[in-house]
């Protein structure tokens, strides 16, 4: 998993699913940053991919939560 600015990527998905995942992780006490992987913010609303980024210390817990949900 790539790290950017001290964060670890735990999932790449579309913006709509990213909001669901953000809510799931944050409700489990894991702060989340959603990073747009597109060159255009306009495209991100229409299916472009985004990365779910978490602190490295939370990465294993986040992956476990996602795998239990079936999203890894």
N, C-alpha and C. Protein backbone atom coordinates (compact mmCIF):
# COMPACT_ATOMS: atom_id res chain seq x y z
N UNK A 1 0.83 -1.18 0.00
CA UNK A 1 0.00 0.00 0.00
C UNK A 1 0.88 1.25 0.00
N UNK A 2 0.52 2.18 -0.82
CA UNK A 2 1.30 3.41 -0.92
C UNK A 2 0.98 4.35 0.23
N UNK A 3 2.01 5.03 0.69
CA UNK A 3 1.82 6.03 1.75
C UNK A 3 2.00 7.42 1.15
N UNK A 4 1.18 8.35 1.54
CA UNK A 4 1.28 9.72 1.08
C UNK A 4 1.06 10.62 2.28
N UNK A 5 2.01 11.52 2.48
CA UNK A 5 1.91 12.46 3.60
C UNK A 5 1.69 11.74 4.92
N UNK A 6 2.35 10.58 5.09
CA UNK A 6 2.24 9.85 6.34
C UNK A 6 0.98 9.02 6.47
N UNK A 7 0.17 8.96 5.44
CA UNK A 7 -1.07 8.18 5.47
C UNK A 7 -0.90 6.91 4.65
N UNK A 8 -1.75 5.93 4.92
CA UNK A 8 -1.70 4.65 4.22
C UNK A 8 -3.02 4.42 3.48
N UNK A 9 -2.90 4.00 2.23
CA UNK A 9 -4.07 3.71 1.40
C UNK A 9 -4.60 2.33 1.79
N UNK A 10 -5.88 2.26 2.15
CA UNK A 10 -6.47 0.97 2.49
C UNK A 10 -7.53 0.51 1.48
N UNK A 11 -7.95 1.41 0.59
CA UNK A 11 -8.96 1.04 -0.40
C UNK A 11 -9.00 2.08 -1.51
N UNK A 12 -9.19 1.61 -2.74
CA UNK A 12 -9.46 2.50 -3.87
C UNK A 12 -10.85 2.16 -4.37
N UNK A 13 -11.69 3.17 -4.49
CA UNK A 13 -13.09 2.94 -4.86
C UNK A 13 -13.64 4.22 -5.52
N UNK A 14 -14.94 4.25 -5.78
CA UNK A 14 -15.54 5.47 -6.32
C UNK A 14 -16.01 6.36 -5.16
N UNK A 15 -16.34 7.59 -5.47
CA UNK A 15 -16.67 8.58 -4.44
C UNK A 15 -17.89 8.18 -3.62
N UNK A 16 -18.87 7.57 -4.25
CA UNK A 16 -20.08 7.20 -3.53
C UNK A 16 -19.78 6.13 -2.48
N UNK A 17 -19.06 5.09 -2.87
CA UNK A 17 -18.69 4.03 -1.92
C UNK A 17 -17.73 4.57 -0.87
N UNK A 18 -16.88 5.52 -1.25
CA UNK A 18 -15.92 6.11 -0.31
C UNK A 18 -16.65 6.76 0.87
N UNK A 19 -17.76 7.39 0.62
CA UNK A 19 -18.51 8.03 1.70
C UNK A 19 -19.09 7.00 2.66
N UNK A 20 -19.53 5.87 2.13
CA UNK A 20 -20.04 4.79 2.97
C UNK A 20 -18.90 4.23 3.82
N UNK A 21 -17.75 3.98 3.19
CA UNK A 21 -16.59 3.44 3.89
C UNK A 21 -16.09 4.43 4.93
N UNK A 22 -16.07 5.70 4.58
CA UNK A 22 -15.64 6.72 5.55
C UNK A 22 -16.52 6.65 6.80
N UNK A 23 -17.82 6.59 6.62
CA UNK A 23 -18.73 6.51 7.76
C UNK A 23 -18.50 5.26 8.59
N UNK A 24 -18.27 4.14 7.92
CA UNK A 24 -18.02 2.88 8.62
C UNK A 24 -16.75 2.97 9.47
N UNK A 25 -15.66 3.44 8.87
CA UNK A 25 -14.39 3.52 9.59
C UNK A 25 -14.45 4.56 10.71
N UNK A 26 -15.01 5.72 10.41
CA UNK A 26 -15.08 6.76 11.44
C UNK A 26 -15.97 6.34 12.60
N UNK A 27 -17.02 5.57 12.33
CA UNK A 27 -17.88 5.08 13.42
C UNK A 27 -17.15 4.06 14.29
N UNK A 28 -16.05 3.54 13.77
CA UNK A 28 -15.20 2.63 14.53
C UNK A 28 -13.96 3.33 15.08
N UNK A 29 -13.98 4.66 15.08
CA UNK A 29 -12.91 5.43 15.68
C UNK A 29 -11.67 5.61 14.83
N UNK A 30 -11.77 5.37 13.53
CA UNK A 30 -10.62 5.51 12.63
C UNK A 30 -10.81 6.75 11.76
N UNK A 31 -9.98 7.78 11.96
CA UNK A 31 -10.07 8.97 11.11
C UNK A 31 -9.71 8.61 9.66
N UNK A 32 -10.42 9.21 8.72
CA UNK A 32 -10.27 8.88 7.30
C UNK A 32 -10.05 10.15 6.49
N UNK A 33 -9.20 10.04 5.48
CA UNK A 33 -9.05 11.10 4.47
C UNK A 33 -9.36 10.46 3.12
N UNK A 34 -10.25 11.08 2.36
CA UNK A 34 -10.57 10.60 1.02
C UNK A 34 -9.80 11.47 0.04
N UNK A 35 -8.95 10.81 -0.75
CA UNK A 35 -8.12 11.54 -1.72
C UNK A 35 -8.59 11.24 -3.14
N UNK A 36 -8.80 12.31 -3.89
CA UNK A 36 -9.21 12.20 -5.28
C UNK A 36 -8.02 11.76 -6.12
N UNK A 37 -8.15 10.68 -6.87
CA UNK A 37 -7.08 10.20 -7.75
C UNK A 37 -7.21 10.75 -9.16
N UNK A 38 -8.20 11.58 -9.39
CA UNK A 38 -8.46 12.13 -10.71
C UNK A 38 -7.79 13.49 -10.86
N UNK A 39 -7.52 13.85 -12.08
CA UNK A 39 -6.98 15.18 -12.35
C UNK A 39 -8.06 16.25 -12.29
N UNK A 40 -9.30 15.83 -12.30
CA UNK A 40 -10.41 16.77 -12.31
C UNK A 40 -11.38 16.46 -11.18
N UNK A 41 -11.70 17.45 -10.36
CA UNK A 41 -12.68 17.26 -9.31
C UNK A 41 -14.06 16.98 -9.87
N UNK A 42 -14.34 17.48 -11.06
CA UNK A 42 -15.65 17.25 -11.68
C UNK A 42 -15.86 15.77 -11.94
N UNK A 43 -14.82 15.08 -12.41
CA UNK A 43 -14.95 13.67 -12.74
C UNK A 43 -15.14 12.78 -11.52
N UNK A 44 -14.65 13.22 -10.36
CA UNK A 44 -14.72 12.35 -9.18
C UNK A 44 -16.16 12.02 -8.80
N UNK A 45 -17.09 12.89 -9.12
CA UNK A 45 -18.49 12.63 -8.81
C UNK A 45 -19.11 11.61 -9.75
N UNK A 46 -18.44 11.34 -10.84
CA UNK A 46 -19.00 10.47 -11.87
C UNK A 46 -18.22 9.18 -12.04
N UNK A 47 -17.71 8.65 -10.93
CA UNK A 47 -17.10 7.33 -10.99
C UNK A 47 -15.59 7.29 -11.01
N UNK A 48 -14.92 8.41 -11.01
CA UNK A 48 -13.46 8.38 -10.94
C UNK A 48 -13.05 7.79 -9.60
N UNK A 49 -11.87 7.24 -9.54
CA UNK A 49 -11.43 6.57 -8.33
C UNK A 49 -10.86 7.52 -7.29
N UNK A 50 -11.12 7.17 -6.03
CA UNK A 50 -10.57 7.90 -4.89
C UNK A 50 -9.92 6.87 -3.97
N UNK A 51 -8.98 7.35 -3.15
CA UNK A 51 -8.30 6.49 -2.19
C UNK A 51 -8.80 6.78 -0.79
N UNK A 52 -9.01 5.73 -0.03
CA UNK A 52 -9.33 5.85 1.39
C UNK A 52 -8.00 5.77 2.13
N UNK A 53 -7.63 6.86 2.79
CA UNK A 53 -6.34 6.96 3.47
C UNK A 53 -6.57 7.03 4.98
N UNK A 54 -5.73 6.30 5.73
CA UNK A 54 -5.80 6.32 7.19
C UNK A 54 -4.38 6.42 7.75
N UNK A 55 -4.29 6.73 9.03
CA UNK A 55 -2.99 6.72 9.70
C UNK A 55 -2.42 5.31 9.66
N UNK A 56 -1.10 5.18 9.48
CA UNK A 56 -0.51 3.85 9.44
C UNK A 56 -0.83 2.99 10.66
N UNK A 57 -0.97 3.62 11.81
CA UNK A 57 -1.29 2.85 13.03
C UNK A 57 -2.71 2.29 13.01
N UNK A 58 -3.58 2.84 12.16
CA UNK A 58 -4.97 2.38 12.03
C UNK A 58 -5.19 1.46 10.84
N UNK A 59 -4.16 1.28 10.01
CA UNK A 59 -4.33 0.58 8.74
C UNK A 59 -4.80 -0.87 8.92
N UNK A 60 -4.18 -1.61 9.83
CA UNK A 60 -4.58 -3.01 10.02
C UNK A 60 -6.03 -3.12 10.49
N UNK A 61 -6.40 -2.26 11.43
CA UNK A 61 -7.78 -2.28 11.92
C UNK A 61 -8.76 -1.91 10.81
N UNK A 62 -8.40 -0.92 10.00
CA UNK A 62 -9.27 -0.51 8.90
C UNK A 62 -9.43 -1.64 7.89
N UNK A 63 -8.34 -2.30 7.54
CA UNK A 63 -8.41 -3.42 6.59
C UNK A 63 -9.26 -4.56 7.15
N UNK A 64 -9.16 -4.80 8.45
CA UNK A 64 -9.96 -5.86 9.06
C UNK A 64 -11.45 -5.52 8.97
N UNK A 65 -11.79 -4.28 9.28
CA UNK A 65 -13.19 -3.84 9.19
C UNK A 65 -13.70 -3.97 7.76
N UNK A 66 -12.88 -3.55 6.81
CA UNK A 66 -13.29 -3.64 5.40
C UNK A 66 -13.41 -5.08 4.93
N UNK A 67 -12.51 -5.95 5.36
CA UNK A 67 -12.57 -7.34 4.94
C UNK A 67 -13.81 -8.03 5.53
N UNK A 68 -14.17 -7.64 6.75
CA UNK A 68 -15.39 -8.19 7.36
C UNK A 68 -16.62 -7.73 6.61
N UNK A 69 -16.53 -6.57 6.00
CA UNK A 69 -17.64 -6.03 5.21
C UNK A 69 -17.60 -6.59 3.79
N UNK A 70 -16.45 -7.15 3.39
CA UNK A 70 -16.32 -7.72 2.05
C UNK A 70 -15.80 -6.74 1.02
N UNK A 71 -15.07 -5.71 1.46
CA UNK A 71 -14.61 -4.68 0.53
C UNK A 71 -13.13 -4.67 0.25
N UNK A 72 -12.37 -5.61 0.71
CA UNK A 72 -10.92 -5.54 0.48
C UNK A 72 -10.58 -6.14 -0.81
